[in-house]
Protein backbone atom coordinates (compact mmCIF):
# COMPACT_ATOMS: atom_id res chain seq x y z
CA UNK A 1 107.70 81.75 56.36
CA UNK A 2 110.71 79.41 55.48
CA UNK A 3 110.30 77.34 52.21
CA UNK A 4 109.59 73.64 53.41
CA UNK A 5 112.16 71.19 52.16
CA UNK A 6 112.00 67.23 51.74
CA UNK A 7 111.59 65.05 54.76
CA UNK A 8 111.05 61.60 53.58
CA UNK A 9 109.13 59.44 50.81
CA UNK A 10 106.33 56.87 51.75
CA UNK A 11 103.80 54.74 49.86
CA UNK A 12 100.52 55.21 51.12
CA UNK A 13 98.95 58.58 51.37
CA UNK A 14 97.03 58.06 54.64
CA UNK A 15 100.42 57.53 56.36
CA UNK A 16 101.36 61.05 54.91
CA UNK A 17 98.44 62.48 56.04
CA UNK A 18 98.45 61.01 59.43
CA UNK A 19 102.04 62.38 60.09
CA UNK A 20 101.95 65.77 58.72
CA UNK A 21 98.64 66.30 61.10
CA UNK A 22 101.00 65.34 63.88
CA UNK A 23 103.68 67.35 63.07
CA UNK A 24 101.53 70.52 62.53
CA UNK A 25 100.05 69.26 66.11
CA UNK A 26 103.79 69.62 67.73
CA UNK A 27 103.71 73.36 65.71
CA UNK A 28 106.02 72.09 62.87
CA UNK A 29 104.83 73.62 59.64
CA UNK A 30 104.39 70.60 57.17
CA UNK A 31 102.98 69.07 53.66
CA UNK A 32 102.40 66.21 51.99
CA UNK A 33 102.68 66.46 48.00
CA UNK A 34 102.86 63.92 44.98
CA UNK A 35 106.16 62.90 44.01
CA UNK A 36 107.22 64.50 41.07
CA UNK A 37 107.25 62.61 38.08
CA UNK A 38 110.91 62.50 37.18
CA UNK A 39 111.90 61.67 40.82
CA UNK A 40 113.79 58.30 41.55
CA UNK A 41 111.58 55.61 42.86
CA UNK A 42 108.51 58.09 42.10
CA UNK A 43 106.66 54.74 41.30
CA UNK A 44 107.31 53.18 44.46
CA UNK A 45 107.41 56.18 46.88
CA UNK A 46 104.67 58.32 45.11
CA UNK A 47 104.49 60.80 48.27
CA UNK A 48 106.53 63.16 49.60
CA UNK A 49 106.39 64.59 52.97
CA UNK A 50 107.66 68.24 53.60
CA UNK A 51 108.18 70.10 56.66
CA UNK A 52 110.41 73.48 57.49
CA UNK A 53 113.90 73.47 57.34
CA UNK A 54 114.84 74.47 61.24
CA UNK A 55 113.04 71.66 62.40
CA UNK A 56 114.15 68.87 60.12
CA UNK A 57 116.26 67.11 62.76
CA UNK A 58 113.48 66.77 65.23
CA UNK A 59 110.71 65.62 62.27
CA UNK A 60 113.37 62.77 61.12
CA UNK A 61 113.33 61.89 64.85
CA UNK A 62 109.68 62.05 65.05
CA UNK A 63 109.25 59.84 61.80
CA UNK A 64 111.64 57.29 62.94
CA UNK A 65 109.43 56.69 65.95
CA UNK A 66 106.31 56.52 63.98
CA UNK A 67 107.78 54.17 61.50
CA UNK A 68 108.30 51.75 64.61
CA UNK A 69 105.04 51.76 65.67
CA UNK A 70 102.09 54.12 63.75
CA UNK A 71 99.64 52.94 66.26
CA UNK A 72 100.88 55.03 69.31
CA UNK A 73 98.03 57.04 70.87
CA UNK A 74 99.87 60.72 69.95
CA UNK A 75 99.82 59.60 66.04
CA UNK A 76 96.37 58.02 66.39
CA UNK A 77 95.27 61.05 68.50
CA UNK A 78 95.79 63.20 65.67
CA UNK A 79 94.41 61.10 63.25
CA UNK A 80 91.21 61.17 64.92
CA UNK A 81 91.19 64.79 65.25
CA UNK A 82 91.59 65.38 61.40
CA UNK A 83 89.27 62.67 60.05
CA UNK A 84 92.51 61.04 58.48
CA UNK A 85 92.37 57.59 57.40
CA UNK A 86 93.83 54.86 60.03
CA UNK A 87 94.26 52.66 57.13
CA UNK A 88 98.14 53.45 56.58
CA UNK A 89 99.05 49.82 55.09
CA UNK A 90 97.96 49.09 51.43
CA UNK A 91 96.69 45.57 51.07
CA UNK A 92 95.39 44.84 54.43
CA UNK A 93 91.85 43.56 55.26
CA UNK A 94 89.70 46.47 56.86
CA UNK A 95 88.45 43.82 59.70
CA UNK A 96 92.14 43.58 60.61
CA UNK A 97 92.54 47.24 60.62
CA UNK A 98 89.62 47.59 63.14
CA UNK A 99 90.91 45.17 65.45
CA UNK A 100 94.32 46.57 65.64
CA UNK A 101 92.92 50.10 66.20
CA UNK A 102 90.49 48.87 69.06
CA UNK A 103 93.74 47.27 70.62
CA UNK A 104 95.88 50.10 70.08
CA UNK A 105 93.85 52.22 72.05
CA UNK A 106 92.50 49.83 74.93
CA UNK A 107 93.65 46.71 76.68
CA UNK A 108 92.14 43.33 77.32
CA UNK A 109 89.42 44.51 80.24
CA UNK A 110 88.24 47.26 78.00
CA UNK A 111 87.84 45.29 74.83
CA UNK A 112 86.10 42.19 76.77
CA UNK A 113 83.29 44.09 77.74
CA UNK A 114 83.38 46.03 74.48
CA UNK A 115 82.81 42.44 72.89
CA UNK A 116 80.35 41.36 75.14
CA UNK A 117 78.00 44.22 74.61
CA UNK A 118 77.88 43.56 71.07
CA UNK A 119 77.53 40.13 71.48
CA UNK A 120 74.52 40.56 73.56
CA UNK A 121 73.19 43.18 71.21
CA UNK A 122 73.08 40.88 68.18
CA UNK A 123 71.58 38.16 70.45
CA UNK A 124 68.63 40.36 71.81
CA UNK A 125 68.15 40.81 67.64
CA UNK A 126 66.84 37.61 67.37
CA UNK A 127 65.54 36.94 71.08
CA UNK A 128 64.87 40.15 72.92
CA UNK A 129 62.39 39.12 75.55
CA UNK A 130 64.67 36.29 76.37
CA UNK A 131 67.77 38.06 76.82
CA UNK A 132 66.27 41.42 78.42
CA UNK A 133 64.82 39.19 80.98
CA UNK A 134 67.80 37.52 81.74
CA UNK A 135 69.87 40.41 82.09
CA UNK A 136 67.85 43.50 83.42
CA UNK A 137 68.03 44.07 87.22
CA UNK A 138 64.96 41.77 87.88
CA UNK A 139 62.06 40.71 86.17
CA UNK A 140 59.25 42.02 88.70
CA UNK A 141 60.35 44.82 90.20
CA UNK A 142 61.16 43.17 93.31
CA UNK A 143 64.47 43.53 94.71
CA UNK A 144 64.69 40.36 96.18
CA UNK A 145 65.35 38.67 93.12
CA UNK A 146 68.40 40.89 92.48
CA UNK A 147 69.77 39.72 95.76
CA UNK A 148 69.06 36.11 94.73
CA UNK A 149 70.88 36.61 91.28
CA UNK A 150 73.61 38.90 92.13
CA UNK A 151 75.00 39.15 88.46
CA UNK A 152 71.53 41.18 87.84
CA UNK A 153 73.11 44.19 89.80
CA UNK A 154 75.49 44.80 86.84
CA UNK A 155 74.13 42.93 83.82
CA UNK A 156 71.69 45.90 83.01
CA UNK A 157 75.08 47.57 81.74
CA UNK A 158 75.49 45.20 79.08
CA UNK A 159 72.44 45.31 77.27
CA UNK A 160 71.34 47.89 74.61
CA UNK A 161 67.97 48.69 72.87
CA UNK A 162 69.23 50.05 69.57
CA UNK A 163 72.36 50.21 67.23
CA UNK A 164 72.96 54.19 67.87
CA UNK A 165 72.45 53.17 71.39
CA UNK A 166 75.24 50.73 71.69
CA UNK A 167 77.62 52.29 69.05
CA UNK A 168 77.47 55.76 71.32
CA UNK A 169 78.01 53.80 74.42
CA UNK A 170 80.80 51.23 73.42
CA UNK A 171 82.82 54.00 71.60
CA UNK A 172 83.19 56.07 74.22
CA UNK A 173 83.86 52.99 76.87
CA UNK A 174 86.80 52.10 74.15
CA UNK A 175 88.11 55.58 74.00
CA UNK A 176 87.97 56.24 77.79
CA UNK A 177 87.73 53.19 79.72
CA UNK A 178 91.04 52.18 77.19
CA UNK A 179 92.79 55.38 78.33
CA UNK A 180 92.65 54.38 82.00
CA UNK A 181 92.80 50.65 81.41
CA UNK A 182 96.46 51.51 79.80
CA UNK A 183 97.73 54.34 81.76
CA UNK A 184 96.49 53.13 85.70
CA UNK A 185 95.94 49.43 85.24
CA UNK A 186 93.34 46.83 84.71
CA UNK A 187 92.24 47.27 88.23
CA UNK A 188 91.46 50.79 87.90
CA UNK A 189 88.92 50.01 85.00
CA UNK A 190 87.70 47.19 86.49
CA UNK A 191 86.88 49.07 89.71
CA UNK A 192 85.35 51.72 87.90
CA UNK A 193 83.55 49.72 85.85
CA UNK A 194 81.80 47.53 88.71
CA UNK A 195 81.26 50.13 91.13
CA UNK A 196 80.09 52.45 88.56
CA UNK A 197 77.46 49.83 87.09
CA UNK A 198 76.39 48.94 90.58
CA UNK A 199 75.79 52.45 91.78
CA UNK A 200 73.97 53.73 88.66
CA UNK A 201 72.04 50.55 87.89
CA UNK A 202 70.72 50.70 91.69
CA UNK A 203 69.75 54.37 91.62
CA UNK A 204 67.95 53.76 88.03
CA UNK A 205 65.84 51.15 89.44
CA UNK A 206 64.65 52.73 92.85
CA UNK A 207 63.67 55.75 90.21
CA UNK A 208 61.93 54.00 87.72
CA UNK A 209 61.80 50.60 88.14
CA UNK A 210 63.72 47.43 86.07
CA UNK A 211 62.70 48.74 82.56
CA UNK A 212 66.42 50.19 81.80
CA UNK A 213 69.55 49.09 80.28
CA UNK A 214 72.88 50.38 78.77
CA UNK A 215 76.41 51.04 79.34
CA UNK A 216 75.74 54.70 79.88
CA UNK A 217 75.90 54.85 83.22
CA UNK A 218 79.12 53.50 83.45
CA UNK A 219 80.34 55.43 80.54
CA UNK A 220 79.39 58.93 82.31
CA UNK A 221 81.67 57.32 85.20
CA UNK A 222 84.63 57.25 82.71
CA UNK A 223 83.79 60.59 81.76
CA UNK A 224 83.83 62.05 84.99
CA UNK A 225 86.77 60.15 86.15
CA UNK A 226 89.27 61.03 83.07
CA UNK A 227 87.97 64.83 83.24
CA UNK A 228 88.76 65.16 86.89
CA UNK A 229 91.99 63.00 87.21
CA UNK A 230 93.26 64.99 84.16
CA UNK A 231 92.35 68.64 85.60
CA UNK A 232 93.97 66.94 89.26
CA UNK A 233 97.04 66.29 87.11
CA UNK A 234 98.01 68.73 84.66
CA UNK A 235 100.24 66.63 81.55
CA UNK A 236 98.85 63.14 82.59
CA UNK A 237 98.24 61.05 79.55
CA UNK A 238 94.56 60.54 80.74
CA UNK A 239 92.60 63.74 80.01
CA UNK A 240 89.66 64.96 78.01
CA UNK A 241 89.40 68.17 75.94
CA UNK A 242 86.99 70.84 77.68
CA UNK A 243 84.69 70.89 74.42
CA UNK A 244 84.08 67.25 74.59
CA UNK A 245 83.55 67.36 78.15
CA UNK A 246 80.81 70.15 77.51
CA UNK A 247 78.98 68.27 74.65
CA UNK A 248 78.64 65.03 76.90
CA UNK A 249 77.50 67.32 79.85
CA UNK A 250 74.90 68.77 77.32
CA UNK A 251 73.54 65.36 76.43
CA UNK A 252 73.39 64.69 80.19
CA UNK A 253 71.26 67.79 81.06
CA UNK A 254 69.17 67.49 77.72
CA UNK A 255 68.08 63.93 78.92
CA UNK A 256 66.09 65.62 81.67
CA UNK A 257 64.04 68.17 79.22
CA UNK A 258 61.50 66.91 76.81
CA UNK A 259 63.75 67.21 73.91
CA UNK A 260 64.33 63.82 73.33
CA UNK A 261 62.44 61.38 71.56
CA UNK A 262 63.07 58.66 73.72
CA UNK A 263 63.17 57.35 77.57
CA UNK A 264 66.56 58.26 78.69
CA UNK A 265 68.19 56.80 81.99
CA UNK A 266 68.78 59.86 83.35
CA UNK A 267 69.41 59.07 87.06
CA UNK A 268 72.14 56.01 85.94
CA UNK A 269 73.72 58.67 83.93
CA UNK A 270 73.78 61.42 87.12
CA UNK A 271 75.30 58.91 89.62
CA UNK A 272 77.88 57.20 86.97
CA UNK A 273 79.02 60.70 86.37
CA UNK A 274 79.39 61.46 90.11
CA UNK A 275 80.91 57.96 90.89
CA UNK A 276 83.84 58.41 88.32
CA UNK A 277 84.60 61.85 89.55
CA UNK A 278 84.55 60.06 93.30
CA UNK A 279 86.94 57.48 91.99
CA UNK A 280 89.08 59.82 90.32
CA UNK A 281 89.89 62.17 93.72
CA UNK A 282 90.18 58.42 95.33
CA UNK A 283 92.92 57.52 92.93
CA UNK A 284 94.23 60.98 92.93
CA UNK A 285 95.01 61.26 96.66
CA UNK A 286 96.06 57.77 97.01
CA UNK A 287 98.52 57.94 94.34
CA UNK A 288 99.58 61.36 96.20
CA UNK A 289 99.92 59.72 99.66
CA UNK A 290 101.93 56.72 97.89
CA UNK A 291 104.26 59.34 96.53
CA UNK A 292 104.64 60.97 99.79
CA UNK A 293 105.68 57.87 101.80
CA UNK A 294 107.98 56.97 99.14
CA UNK A 295 109.70 60.13 99.65
CA UNK A 296 109.77 59.86 103.01
CA UNK A 297 111.07 56.46 103.37
CA UNK A 298 114.12 57.85 100.78
CA UNK A 299 114.77 60.47 103.32
CA UNK A 300 115.17 58.21 106.21
């Protein structure tokens, strides 16, 4: 193995760790070490990033890109996988860092749904019955009320019953919905949200009645979409790793067993997953048809 050589000096250890992890994901041997006490500017730049000499020029180019925009998904995905700190700028308040990272991986629609869910949850802590009655599919198990108040087809998706419930759902919605919105546009994620919420809520109502809520049906729709769209389009930015797919499908199956200590909206989860898969095929073949049409026009 070649001895590592200095690449660049940096101020924050978090920045060094994230970039080193990114280089390692690219197959470049790299490490970060404290600067020697006798090095020039050691106090100002206390951390040194090292890499293998044969990949020095490539690493320099990647670092230039990293400095321009460290919140690009390719760098933040590496940080997420390694558990490295996302706080790479000293002196910045935690709230600003959280907002910055939320914006980096999602668009306005994804973030709006995220924020609405949390606002509703906070309000439900002080007025649970009032908020649930206003948002549930219907109040008395009568579909006529849902017909007369059409927002009820969708609003069960934004109501959550516990902190863990909303934290799990909004985290995956931000992660997967953000992928879809950033790479396919707001129209695609809006259609997926509305369509999967409508279908999963309706199915759950007819199976168990109106006393349910949560974004889980929509989340499983994003799982199905990202999973199969990535499968149909290898190398696309929209993708989901197989272990994560397995984990989420395991939880889906577990909901049908007696091991779960709470009632789970299994029908909403399953219908959401299937609707997301169906929409992935629709988008894939629509794009394929458009590409073929454009190719035919160019040959005329």
